[in-house]
């Protein structure tokens, strides 16, 4: 009986690992800002999440050390950096 009690928690943890795969879920706005700051030195001017019927994306504006403003679009579902354009466009 004691051995079956010890096995149950282990089986529960294995079930959780299968039910919730690593990396599941959406990228948060904070994650997107961290990702962009890893690519571009400078100051974050603005960060926002834009939602449409079909998609959700994060937009992050950076003032580079060279004085240029760069805008990044990040797909909230996949974390992919999107090309410039209006929300929901995948050009």
Foldseek 3Di string as FASTA:
>chain_A
DVVVVVVVVVVVVVVVCVVDPPPQDWADQVNLVVVVCVVAPAAWPDWDWDDDPVFIWIWIWGQGPVRDIDIWIAGRRPRDTADDDDPPDRD
